[in-house]
Amino acid sequence: MEEAKGVVKHVLLAKFKDSTTPDQVEELIKGYASLVDLVPPMKAFHWGKDVSAENMHEGFTHVFESTFESVEGIAEYVAHPAHVEFANVFLPQLEKIVVVDYKPTTVHL
């Protein structure tokens, strides 16, 4: 197996509060996406809603994935003023959250 050099994925699973409107969710997603242009080590952002037929989502409805250049880049992101400001708006709208950071690993068969 071969671990990706430098690259780290930051995955956030979220369930928004029932009181958070669809328009608010849309604005929060746009705000999250805008961090790519504000935080240098953040290289990419993708998101989606759960579409699994297995019904094992534990109530989580949204997935957000960011790509960083390194573990140190995630630490820089977490402390970056733009992220801190966004988190102060985003987190209060969530009922549940899980965050996992990992280094993608390729399996060679």
PDB file of N, CA and C in Angstrom:
ATOM      1  N   MET A   1       0.847  -1.180   0.000  1.00  0.00           N
ATOM      2  CA  MET A   1       0.000   0.000   0.000  1.00  0.00           C
ATOM      3  C   MET A   1       0.886   1.234   0.000  1.00  0.00           C
ATOM      4  N   GLU A   2       0.370   2.265  -0.629  1.00  0.00           N
ATOM      5  CA  GLU A   2       1.171   3.485  -0.770  1.00  0.00           C
ATOM      6  C   GLU A   2       0.369   4.694  -0.294  1.00  0.00           C
ATOM      7  N   GLU A   3       0.840   5.309   0.788  1.00  0.00           N
ATOM      8  CA  GLU A   3       0.189   6.495   1.339  1.00  0.00           C
ATOM      9  C   GLU A   3       0.513   7.699   0.465  1.00  0.00           C
ATOM     10  N   ALA A   4      -0.483   8.521   0.192  1.00  0.00           N
ATOM     11  CA  ALA A   4      -0.284   9.716  -0.625  1.00  0.00           C
ATOM     12  C   ALA A   4       0.733  10.626   0.041  1.00  0.00           C
ATOM     13  N   LYS A   5       1.627  11.171  -0.751  1.00  0.00           N
ATOM     14  CA  LYS A   5       2.639  12.061  -0.211  1.00  0.00           C
ATOM     15  C   LYS A   5       2.040  13.436   0.058  1.00  0.00           C
ATOM     16  N   GLY A   6       2.000  13.820   1.321  1.00  0.00           N
ATOM     17  CA  GLY A   6       1.551  15.155   1.685  1.00  0.00           C
ATOM     18  C   GLY A   6       0.054  15.341   1.754  1.00  0.00           C
ATOM     19  N   VAL A   7      -0.677  14.841   0.779  1.00  0.00           N
ATOM     20  CA  VAL A   7      -2.104  15.114   0.685  1.00  0.00           C
ATOM     21  C   VAL A   7      -2.866  14.558   1.892  1.00  0.00           C
ATOM     22  N   VAL A   8      -3.763  15.393   2.435  1.00  0.00           N
ATOM     23  CA  VAL A   8      -4.612  14.971   3.550  1.00  0.00           C
ATOM     24  C   VAL A   8      -6.049  15.369   3.230  1.00  0.00           C
ATOM     25  N   LYS A   9      -6.972  14.454   3.461  1.00  0.00           N
ATOM     26  CA  LYS A   9      -8.403  14.720   3.276  1.00  0.00           C
ATOM     27  C   LYS A   9      -9.029  15.025   4.633  1.00  0.00           C
ATOM     28  N   HIS A  10      -9.890  16.012   4.650  1.00  0.00           N
ATOM     29  CA  HIS A  10     -10.608  16.453   5.847  1.00  0.00           C
ATOM     30  C   HIS A  10     -12.091  16.218   5.544  1.00  0.00           C
ATOM     31  N   VAL A  11     -12.700  15.267   6.239  1.00  0.00           N
ATOM     32  CA  VAL A  11     -14.084  14.885   5.972  1.00  0.00           C
ATOM     33  C   VAL A  11     -14.950  15.274   7.170  1.00  0.00           C
ATOM     34  N   LEU A  12     -16.015  15.996   6.888  1.00  0.00           N
ATOM     35  CA  LEU A  12     -16.947  16.430   7.922  1.00  0.00           C
ATOM     36  C   LEU A  12     -18.328  15.884   7.578  1.00  0.00           C
ATOM     37  N   LEU A  13     -18.908  15.121   8.495  1.00  0.00           N
ATOM     38  CA  LEU A  13     -20.288  14.645   8.353  1.00  0.00           C
ATOM     39  C   LEU A  13     -21.152  15.534   9.221  1.00  0.00           C
ATOM     40  N   ALA A  14     -22.283  15.969   8.679  1.00  0.00           N
ATOM     41  CA  ALA A  14     -23.122  16.916   9.414  1.00  0.00           C
ATOM     42  C   ALA A  14     -24.591  16.565   9.304  1.00  0.00           C
ATOM     43  N   LYS A  15     -25.308  16.905  10.357  1.00  0.00           N
ATOM     44  CA  LYS A  15     -26.768  16.924  10.341  1.00  0.00           C
ATOM     45  C   LYS A  15     -27.155  18.307  10.832  1.00  0.00           C
ATOM     46  N   PHE A  16     -27.808  19.063   9.962  1.00  0.00           N
ATOM     47  CA  PHE A  16     -28.248  20.402  10.322  1.00  0.00           C
ATOM     48  C   PHE A  16     -29.444  20.329  11.261  1.00  0.00           C
ATOM     49  N   LYS A  17     -29.572  21.317  12.110  1.00  0.00           N
ATOM     50  CA  LYS A  17     -30.727  21.406  12.997  1.00  0.00           C
ATOM     51  C   LYS A  17     -31.989  21.563  12.150  1.00  0.00           C
ATOM     52  N   ASP A  18     -33.103  21.069  12.652  1.00  0.00           N
ATOM     53  CA  ASP A  18     -34.381  21.207  11.944  1.00  0.00           C
ATOM     54  C   ASP A  18     -34.727  22.677  11.723  1.00  0.00           C
ATOM     55  N   SER A  19     -34.261  23.553  12.595  1.00  0.00           N
ATOM     56  CA  SER A  19     -34.560  24.984  12.487  1.00  0.00           C
ATOM     57  C   SER A  19     -33.727  25.693  11.416  1.00  0.00           C
ATOM     58  N   THR A  20     -32.715  25.015  10.874  1.00  0.00           N
ATOM     59  CA  THR A  20     -31.886  25.600   9.818  1.00  0.00           C
ATOM     60  C   THR A  20     -32.614  25.424   8.486  1.00  0.00           C
ATOM     61  N   THR A  21     -32.936  26.539   7.841  1.00  0.00           N
ATOM     62  CA  THR A  21     -33.716  26.495   6.600  1.00  0.00           C
ATOM     63  C   THR A  21     -32.848  26.048   5.424  1.00  0.00           C
ATOM     64  N   PRO A  22     -33.463  25.566   4.348  1.00  0.00           N
ATOM     65  CA  PRO A  22     -32.690  25.212   3.144  1.00  0.00           C
ATOM     66  C   PRO A  22     -31.869  26.396   2.609  1.00  0.00           C
ATOM     67  N   ASP A  23     -32.412  27.603   2.675  1.00  0.00           N
ATOM     68  CA  ASP A  23     -31.651  28.775   2.219  1.00  0.00           C
ATOM     69  C   ASP A  23     -30.423  28.997   3.091  1.00  0.00           C
ATOM     70  N   GLN A  24     -30.560  28.795   4.394  1.00  0.00           N
ATOM     71  CA  GLN A  24     -29.418  28.937   5.293  1.00  0.00           C
ATOM     72  C   GLN A  24     -28.369  27.868   4.994  1.00  0.00           C
ATOM     73  N   VAL A  25     -28.810  26.640   4.754  1.00  0.00           N
ATOM     74  CA  VAL A  25     -27.882  25.558   4.414  1.00  0.00           C
ATOM     75  C   VAL A  25     -27.113  25.925   3.152  1.00  0.00           C
ATOM     76  N   GLU A  26     -27.823  26.422   2.140  1.00  0.00           N
ATOM     77  CA  GLU A  26     -27.172  26.810   0.889  1.00  0.00           C
ATOM     78  C   GLU A  26     -26.117  27.893   1.124  1.00  0.00           C
ATOM     79  N   GLU A  27     -26.434  28.881   1.931  1.00  0.00           N
ATOM     80  CA  GLU A  27     -25.477  29.956   2.225  1.00  0.00           C
ATOM     81  C   GLU A  27     -24.278  29.424   3.012  1.00  0.00           C
ATOM     82  N   LEU A  28     -24.518  28.505   3.930  1.00  0.00           N
ATOM     83  CA  LEU A  28     -23.421  27.911   4.693  1.00  0.00           C
ATOM     84  C   LEU A  28     -22.493  27.108   3.784  1.00  0.00           C
ATOM     85  N   ILE A  29     -23.062  26.378   2.841  1.00  0.00           N
ATOM     86  CA  ILE A  29     -22.245  25.607   1.898  1.00  0.00           C
ATOM     87  C   ILE A  29     -21.401  26.544   1.046  1.00  0.00           C
ATOM     88  N   LYS A  30     -21.987  27.637   0.581  1.00  0.00           N
ATOM     89  CA  LYS A  30     -21.218  28.623  -0.197  1.00  0.00           C
ATOM     90  C   LYS A  30     -20.094  29.214   0.646  1.00  0.00           C
ATOM     91  N   GLY A  31     -20.388  29.478   1.927  1.00  0.00           N
ATOM     92  CA  GLY A  31     -19.362  30.012   2.824  1.00  0.00           C
ATOM     93  C   GLY A  31     -18.230  29.022   3.022  1.00  0.00           C
ATOM     94  N   TYR A  32     -18.570  27.743   3.165  1.00  0.00           N
ATOM     95  CA  TYR A  32     -17.561  26.695   3.327  1.00  0.00           C
ATOM     96  C   TYR A  32     -16.694  26.626   2.075  1.00  0.00           C
ATOM     97  N   ALA A  33     -17.335  26.615   0.920  1.00  0.00           N
ATOM     98  CA  ALA A  33     -16.603  26.539  -0.346  1.00  0.00           C
ATOM     99  C   ALA A  33     -15.677  27.732  -0.539  1.00  0.00           C
ATOM    100  N   SER A  34     -16.067  28.896  -0.055  1.00  0.00           N
ATOM    101  CA  SER A  34     -15.246  30.103  -0.239  1.00  0.00           C
ATOM    102  C   SER A  34     -13.930  30.036   0.526  1.00  0.00           C
ATOM    103  N   LEU A  35     -13.833  29.136   1.497  1.00  0.00           N
ATOM    104  CA  LEU A  35     -12.593  29.014   2.266  1.00  0.00           C
ATOM    105  C   LEU A  35     -11.419  28.571   1.399  1.00  0.00           C
ATOM    106  N   VAL A  36     -11.701  27.881   0.286  1.00  0.00           N
ATOM    107  CA  VAL A  36     -10.633  27.448  -0.619  1.00  0.00           C
ATOM    108  C   VAL A  36      -9.828  28.656  -1.111  1.00  0.00           C
ATOM    109  N   ASP A  37     -10.489  29.766  -1.356  1.00  0.00           N
ATOM    110  CA  ASP A  37      -9.810  30.968  -1.846  1.00  0.00           C
ATOM    111  C   ASP A  37      -9.195  31.802  -0.722  1.00  0.00           C
ATOM    112  N   LEU A  38      -9.523  31.478   0.520  1.00  0.00           N
ATOM    113  CA  LEU A  38      -9.067  32.284   1.653  1.00  0.00           C
ATOM    114  C   LEU A  38      -7.968  31.626   2.490  1.00  0.00           C
ATOM    115  N   VAL A  39      -7.916  30.294   2.453  1.00  0.00           N
ATOM    116  CA  VAL A  39      -6.958  29.549   3.276  1.00  0.00           C
ATOM    117  C   VAL A  39      -5.997  28.817   2.342  1.00  0.00           C
ATOM    118  N   PRO A  40      -4.760  29.317   2.191  1.00  0.00           N
ATOM    119  CA  PRO A  40      -3.829  28.771   1.190  1.00  0.00           C
ATOM    120  C   PRO A  40      -3.618  27.253   1.183  1.00  0.00           C
ATOM    121  N   PRO A  41      -3.475  26.567   2.330  1.00  0.00           N
ATOM    122  CA  PRO A  41      -3.235  25.124   2.227  1.00  0.00           C
ATOM    123  C   PRO A  41      -4.465  24.301   1.842  1.00  0.00           C
ATOM    124  N   MET A  42      -5.652  24.919   1.822  1.00  0.00           N
ATOM    125  CA  MET A  42      -6.876  24.214   1.404  1.00  0.00           C
ATOM    126  C   MET A  42      -6.925  24.241  -0.115  1.00  0.00           C
ATOM    127  N   LYS A  43      -6.803  23.066  -0.720  1.00  0.00           N
ATOM    128  CA  LYS A  43      -6.666  22.981  -2.175  1.00  0.00           C
ATOM    129  C   LYS A  43      -7.953  22.658  -2.924  1.00  0.00           C
ATOM    130  N   ALA A  44      -8.924  22.014  -2.250  1.00  0.00           N
ATOM    131  CA  ALA A  44     -10.169  21.642  -2.931  1.00  0.00           C
ATOM    132  C   ALA A  44     -11.272  21.437  -1.904  1.00  0.00           C
ATOM    133  N   PHE A  45     -12.518  21.555  -2.375  1.00  0.00           N
ATOM    134  CA  PHE A  45     -13.691  21.362  -1.529  1.00  0.00           C
ATOM    135  C   PHE A  45     -14.783  20.692  -2.355  1.00  0.00           C
ATOM    136  N   HIS A  46     -15.400  19.669  -1.789  1.00  0.00           N
ATOM    137  CA  HIS A  46     -16.545  18.997  -2.396  1.00  0.00           C
ATOM    138  C   HIS A  46     -17.562  18.728  -1.304  1.00  0.00           C
ATOM    139  N   TRP A  47     -18.808  18.618  -1.698  1.00  0.00           N
ATOM    140  CA  TRP A  47     -19.850  18.299  -0.726  1.00  0.00           C
ATOM    141  C   TRP A  47     -20.952  17.521  -1.417  1.00  0.00           C
ATOM    142  N   GLY A  48     -21.780  16.871  -0.606  1.00  0.00           N
ATOM    143  CA  GLY A  48     -22.929  16.169  -1.144  1.00  0.00           C
ATOM    144  C   GLY A  48     -23.862  15.766  -0.014  1.00  0.00           C
ATOM    145  N   LYS A  49     -25.039  15.309  -0.415  1.00  0.00           N
ATOM    146  CA  LYS A  49     -26.036  14.819   0.541  1.00  0.00           C
ATOM    147  C   LYS A  49     -26.036  13.298   0.494  1.00  0.00           C
ATOM    148  N   ASP A  50     -26.385  12.686   1.620  1.00  0.00           N
ATOM    149  CA  ASP A  50     -26.438  11.237   1.702  1.00  0.00           C
ATOM    150  C   ASP A  50     -27.453  10.685   0.702  1.00  0.00           C
ATOM    151  N   VAL A  51     -27.024   9.703  -0.083  1.00  0.00           N
ATOM    152  CA  VAL A  51     -27.908   9.042  -1.049  1.00  0.00           C
ATOM    153  C   VAL A  51     -27.862   7.519  -0.865  1.00  0.00           C
ATOM    154  N   SER A  52     -27.304   7.063   0.243  1.00  0.00           N
ATOM    155  CA  SER A  52     -27.107   5.643   0.478  1.00  0.00           C
ATOM    156  C   SER A  52     -28.427   4.900   0.636  1.00  0.00           C
ATOM    157  N   ALA A  53     -28.500   3.726   0.025  1.00  0.00           N
ATOM    158  CA  ALA A  53     -29.662   2.852   0.179  1.00  0.00           C
ATOM    159  C   ALA A  53     -29.532   1.974   1.425  1.00  0.00           C
ATOM    160  N   GLU A  54     -28.363   1.987   2.057  1.00  0.00           N
ATOM    161  CA  GLU A  54     -28.121   1.124   3.215  1.00  0.00           C
ATOM    162  C   GLU A  54     -28.721   1.657   4.509  1.00  0.00           C
ATOM    163  N   ASN A  55     -29.084   2.931   4.533  1.00  0.00           N
ATOM    164  CA  ASN A  55     -29.687   3.562   5.705  1.00  0.00           C
ATOM    165  C   ASN A  55     -28.821   3.397   6.960  1.00  0.00           C
ATOM    166  N   MET A  56     -27.515   3.603   6.793  1.00  0.00           N
ATOM    167  CA  MET A  56     -26.572   3.504   7.912  1.00  0.00           C
ATOM    168  C   MET A  56     -25.942   4.856   8.226  1.00  0.00           C
ATOM    169  N   HIS A  57     -26.621   5.924   7.865  1.00  0.00           N
ATOM    170  CA  HIS A  57     -26.073   7.272   7.980  1.00  0.00           C
ATOM    171  C   HIS A  57     -26.114   7.846   9.384  1.00  0.00           C
ATOM    172  N   GLU A  58     -26.775   7.148  10.321  1.00  0.00           N
ATOM    173  CA  GLU A  58     -26.839   7.596  11.717  1.00  0.00           C
ATOM    174  C   GLU A  58     -27.411   9.011  11.858  1.00  0.00           C
ATOM    175  N   GLY A  59     -28.209   9.424  10.884  1.00  0.00           N
ATOM    176  CA  GLY A  59     -28.833  10.743  10.934  1.00  0.00           C
ATOM    177  C   GLY A  59     -28.053  11.832  10.227  1.00  0.00           C
ATOM    178  N   PHE A  60     -26.822  11.543   9.821  1.00  0.00           N
ATOM    179  CA  PHE A  60     -26.023  12.545   9.103  1.00  0.00           C
ATOM    180  C   PHE A  60     -26.578  12.694   7.691  1.00  0.00           C
ATOM    181  N   THR A  61     -26.725  13.920   7.256  1.00  0.00           N
ATOM    182  CA  THR A  61     -27.353  14.197   5.965  1.00  0.00           C
ATOM    183  C   THR A  61     -26.397  14.781   4.926  1.00  0.00           C
ATOM    184  N   HIS A  62     -25.327  15.438   5.370  1.00  0.00           N
ATOM    185  CA  HIS A  62     -24.405  16.119   4.466  1.00  0.00           C
ATOM    186  C   HIS A  62     -22.964  15.664   4.719  1.00  0.00           C
ATOM    187  N   VAL A  63     -22.192  15.603   3.625  1.00  0.00           N
ATOM    188  CA  VAL A  63     -20.772  15.269   3.693  1.00  0.00           C
ATOM    189  C   VAL A  63     -19.999  16.413   3.045  1.00  0.00           C
ATOM    190  N   PHE A  64     -18.955  16.865   3.737  1.00  0.00           N
ATOM    191  CA  PHE A  64     -18.077  17.915   3.218  1.00  0.00           C
ATOM    192  C   PHE A  64     -16.660  17.368   3.227  1.00  0.00           C
ATOM    193  N   GLU A  65     -15.977  17.460   2.083  1.00  0.00           N
ATOM    194  CA  GLU A  65     -14.614  16.947   1.979  1.00  0.00           C
ATOM    195  C   GLU A  65     -13.703  18.049   1.455  1.00  0.00           C
ATOM    196  N   SER A  66     -12.641  18.298   2.196  1.00  0.00           N
ATOM    197  CA  SER A  66     -11.643  19.276   1.784  1.00  0.00           C
ATOM    198  C   SER A  66     -10.315  18.558   1.614  1.00  0.00           C
ATOM    199  N   THR A  67      -9.514  19.043   0.674  1.00  0.00           N
ATOM    200  CA  THR A  67      -8.189  18.481   0.423  1.00  0.00           C
ATOM    201  C   THR A  67      -7.148  19.509   0.853  1.00  0.00           C
ATOM    202  N   PHE A  68      -6.159  19.029   1.588  1.00  0.00           N
ATOM    203  CA  PHE A  68      -5.078  19.887   2.078  1.00  0.00           C
ATOM    204  C   PHE A  68      -3.739  19.348   1.620  1.00  0.00           C
ATOM    205  N   GLU A  69      -2.748  20.218   1.612  1.00  0.00           N
ATOM    206  CA  GLU A  69      -1.427  19.833   1.138  1.00  0.00           C
ATOM    207  C   GLU A  69      -0.638  19.023   2.169  1.00  0.00           C
ATOM    208  N   SER A  70      -1.045  19.083   3.450  1.00  0.00           N
ATOM    209  CA  SER A  70      -0.309  18.383   4.498  1.00  0.00           C
ATOM    210  C   SER A  70      -1.109  18.404   5.800  1.00  0.00           C
ATOM    211  N   VAL A  71      -0.650  17.608   6.765  1.00  0.00           N
ATOM    212  CA  VAL A  71      -1.240  17.640   8.104  1.00  0.00           C
ATOM    213  C   VAL A  71      -1.057  19.027   8.707  1.00  0.00           C
ATOM    214  N   GLU A  72       0.120  19.607   8.476  1.00  0.00           N
ATOM    215  CA  GLU A  72       0.386  20.965   8.965  1.00  0.00           C
ATOM    216  C   GLU A  72      -0.566  21.965   8.325  1.00  0.00           C
ATOM    217  N   GLY A  73      -0.950  21.724   7.079  1.00  0.00           N
ATOM    218  CA  GLY A  73      -1.903  22.588   6.388  1.00  0.00           C
ATOM    219  C   GLY A  73      -3.268  22.582   7.061  1.00  0.00           C
ATOM    220  N   ILE A  74      -3.687  21.426   7.578  1.00  0.00           N
ATOM    221  CA  ILE A  74      -4.957  21.359   8.307  1.00  0.00           C
ATOM    222  C   ILE A  74      -4.859  22.160   9.597  1.00  0.00           C
ATOM    223  N   ALA A  75      -3.725  22.063  10.280  1.00  0.00           N
ATOM    224  CA  ALA A  75      -3.538  22.839  11.507  1.00  0.00           C
ATOM    225  C   ALA A  75      -3.597  24.334  11.204  1.00  0.00           C
ATOM    226  N   GLU A  76      -3.003  24.735  10.083  1.00  0.00           N
ATOM    227  CA  GLU A  76      -3.055  26.146   9.667  1.00  0.00           C
ATOM    228  C   GLU A  76      -4.505  26.561   9.356  1.00  0.00           C
ATOM    229  N   TYR A  77      -5.238  25.686   8.691  1.00  0.00           N
ATOM    230  CA  TYR A  77      -6.641  25.922   8.361  1.00  0.00           C
ATOM    231  C   TYR A  77      -7.485  26.113   9.620  1.00  0.00           C
ATOM    232  N   VAL A  78      -7.317  25.212  10.591  1.00  0.00           N
ATOM    233  CA  VAL A  78      -8.106  25.264  11.819  1.00  0.00           C
ATOM    234  C   VAL A  78      -7.912  26.588  12.550  1.00  0.00           C
ATOM    235  N   ALA A  79      -6.685  27.112  12.525  1.00  0.00           N
ATOM    236  CA  ALA A  79      -6.373  28.358  13.232  1.00  0.00           C
ATOM    237  C   ALA A  79      -6.599  29.608  12.386  1.00  0.00           C
ATOM    238  N   HIS A  80      -6.806  29.449  11.094  1.00  0.00           N
ATOM    239  CA  HIS A  80      -6.933  30.603  10.182  1.00  0.00           C
ATOM    240  C   HIS A  80      -8.166  31.434  10.557  1.00  0.00           C
ATOM    241  N   PRO A  81      -8.024  32.764  10.612  1.00  0.00           N
ATOM    242  CA  PRO A  81      -9.161  33.623  10.987  1.00  0.00           C
ATOM    243  C   PRO A  81     -10.416  33.419  10.133  1.00  0.00           C
ATOM    244  N   ALA A  82     -10.250  33.155   8.837  1.00  0.00           N
ATOM    245  CA  ALA A  82     -11.427  32.941   7.976  1.00  0.00           C
ATOM    246  C   ALA A  82     -12.164  31.668   8.393  1.00  0.00           C
ATOM    247  N   HIS A  83     -11.431  30.615   8.753  1.00  0.00           N
ATOM    248  CA  HIS A  83     -12.054  29.375   9.200  1.00  0.00           C
ATOM    249  C   HIS A  83     -12.735  29.575  10.551  1.00  0.00           C
ATOM    250  N   VAL A  84     -12.050  30.248  11.468  1.00  0.00           N
ATOM    251  CA  VAL A  84     -12.616  30.486  12.797  1.00  0.00           C
ATOM    252  C   VAL A  84     -13.922  31.268  12.679  1.00  0.00           C
ATOM    253  N   GLU A  85     -13.925  32.301  11.841  1.00  0.00           N
ATOM    254  CA  GLU A  85     -15.134  33.105  11.637  1.00  0.00           C
ATOM    255  C   GLU A  85     -16.256  32.255  11.047  1.00  0.00           C
ATOM    256  N   PHE A  86     -15.923  31.440  10.037  1.00  0.00           N
ATOM    257  CA  PHE A  86     -16.927  30.586   9.416  1.00  0.00           C
ATOM    258  C   PHE A  86     -17.458  29.554  10.419  1.00  0.00           C
ATOM    259  N   ALA A  87     -16.559  28.921  11.170  1.00  0.00           N
ATOM    260  CA  ALA A  87     -16.971  27.896  12.138  1.00  0.00           C
ATOM    261  C   ALA A  87     -17.925  28.470  13.184  1.00  0.00           C
ATOM    262  N   ASN A  88     -17.722  29.723  13.551  1.00  0.00           N
ATOM    263  CA  ASN A  88     -18.600  30.357  14.538  1.00  0.00           C
ATOM    264  C   ASN A  88     -20.022  30.553  14.011  1.00  0.00           C
ATOM    265  N   VAL A  89     -20.187  30.549  12.699  1.00  0.00           N
ATOM    266  CA  VAL A  89     -21.515  30.653  12.078  1.00  0.00           C
ATOM    267  C   VAL A  89     -22.065  29.253  11.758  1.00  0.00           C
ATOM    268  N   PHE A  90     -21.186  28.384  11.262  1.00  0.00           N
ATOM    269  CA  PHE A  90     -21.568  27.049  10.785  1.00  0.00           C
ATOM    270  C   PHE A  90     -21.955  26.106  11.927  1.00  0.00           C
ATOM    271  N   LEU A  91     -21.088  25.973  12.913  1.00  0.00           N
ATOM    272  CA  LEU A  91     -21.276  24.978  13.967  1.00  0.00           C
ATOM    273  C   LEU A  91     -22.579  25.133  14.755  1.00  0.00           C
ATOM    274  N   PRO A  92     -23.019  26.351  15.073  1.00  0.00           N
ATOM    275  CA  PRO A  92     -24.286  26.472  15.809  1.00  0.00           C
ATOM    276  C   PRO A  92     -25.514  25.982  15.030  1.00  0.00           C
ATOM    277  N   GLN A  93     -25.371  25.805  13.716  1.00  0.00           N
ATOM    278  CA  GLN A  93     -26.494  25.332  12.898  1.00  0.00           C
ATOM    279  C   GLN A  93     -26.557  23.808  12.818  1.00  0.00           C
ATOM    280  N   LEU A  94     -25.591  23.122  13.453  1.00  0.00           N
ATOM    281  CA  LEU A  94     -25.514  21.667  13.366  1.00  0.00           C
ATOM    282  C   LEU A  94     -26.073  20.994  14.607  1.00  0.00           C
ATOM    283  N   GLU A  95     -26.802  19.913  14.363  1.00  0.00           N
ATOM    284  CA  GLU A  95     -27.279  19.062  15.451  1.00  0.00           C
ATOM    285  C   GLU A  95     -26.221  18.015  15.793  1.00  0.00           C
ATOM    286  N   LYS A  96     -25.545  17.501  14.726  1.00  0.00           N
ATOM    287  CA  LYS A  96     -24.526  16.466  14.892  1.00  0.00           C
ATOM    288  C   LYS A  96     -23.376  16.743  13.938  1.00  0.00           C
ATOM    289  N   ILE A  97     -22.162  16.355  14.376  1.00  0.00           N
ATOM    290  CA  ILE A  97     -20.993  16.521  13.520  1.00  0.00           C
ATOM    291  C   ILE A  97     -19.954  15.456  13.860  1.00  0.00           C
ATOM    292  N   VAL A  98     -19.268  14.978  12.833  1.00  0.00           N
ATOM    293  CA  VAL A  98     -18.106  14.106  12.980  1.00  0.00           C
ATOM    294  C   VAL A  98     -17.073  14.609  11.990  1.00  0.00           C
ATOM    295  N   VAL A  99     -15.826  14.699  12.427  1.00  0.00           N
ATOM    296  CA  VAL A  99     -14.741  15.127  11.545  1.00  0.00           C
ATOM    297  C   VAL A  99     -13.639  14.072  11.583  1.00  0.00           C
ATOM    298  N   VAL A 100     -13.167  13.686  10.400  1.00  0.00           N
ATOM    299  CA  VAL A 100     -12.071  12.735  10.268  1.00  0.00           C
ATOM    300  C   VAL A 100     -11.085  13.298   9.250  1.00  0.00           C
ATOM    301  N   ASP A 101      -9.801  13.252   9.599  1.00  0.00           N
ATOM    302  CA  ASP A 101      -8.738  13.621   8.662  1.00  0.00           C
ATOM    303  C   ASP A 101      -7.959  12.348   8.337  1.00  0.00           C
ATOM    304  N   TYR A 102      -7.613  12.148   7.068  1.00  0.00           N
ATOM    305  CA  TYR A 102      -6.856  10.950   6.704  1.00  0.00           C
ATOM    306  C   TYR A 102      -5.971  11.222   5.501  1.00  0.00           C
ATOM    307  N   LYS A 103      -4.939  10.400   5.383  1.00  0.00           N
ATOM    308  CA  LYS A 103      -4.058  10.456   4.227  1.00  0.00           C
ATOM    309  C   LYS A 103      -4.499   9.335   3.280  1.00  0.00           C
ATOM    310  N   PRO A 104      -4.943   9.686   2.070  1.00  0.00           N
ATOM    311  CA  PRO A 104      -5.387   8.657   1.123  1.00  0.00           C
ATOM    312  C   PRO A 104      -4.276   7.638   0.850  1.00  0.00           C
ATOM    313  N   THR A 105      -4.650   6.391   0.827  1.00  0.00           N
ATOM    314  CA  THR A 105      -3.680   5.315   0.603  1.00  0.00           C
ATOM    315  C   THR A 105      -4.162   4.467  -0.565  1.00  0.00           C
ATOM    316  N   THR A 106      -3.264   4.235  -1.510  1.00  0.00           N
ATOM    317  CA  THR A 106      -3.552   3.424  -2.678  1.00  0.00           C
ATOM    318  C   THR A 106      -3.160   1.983  -2.393  1.00  0.00           C
ATOM    319  N   VAL A 107      -4.014   1.059  -2.772  1.00  0.00           N
ATOM    320  CA  VAL A 107      -3.714  -0.364  -2.630  1.00  0.00           C
ATOM    321  C   VAL A 107      -3.272  -0.877  -4.001  1.00  0.00           C
ATOM    322  N   HIS A 108      -2.077  -1.429  -4.045  1.00  0.00           N
ATOM    323  CA  HIS A 108      -1.575  -2.021  -5.284  1.00  0.00           C
ATOM    324  C   HIS A 108      -1.763  -3.532  -5.210  1.00  0.00           C
ATOM    325  N   LEU A 109      -2.529  -4.079  -6.128  1.00  0.00           N
ATOM    326  CA  LEU A 109      -2.797  -5.521  -6.129  1.00  0.00           C
ATOM    327  C   LEU A 109      -1.840  -6.245  -7.047  1.00  0.00           C
TER     328      LEU A 109
END
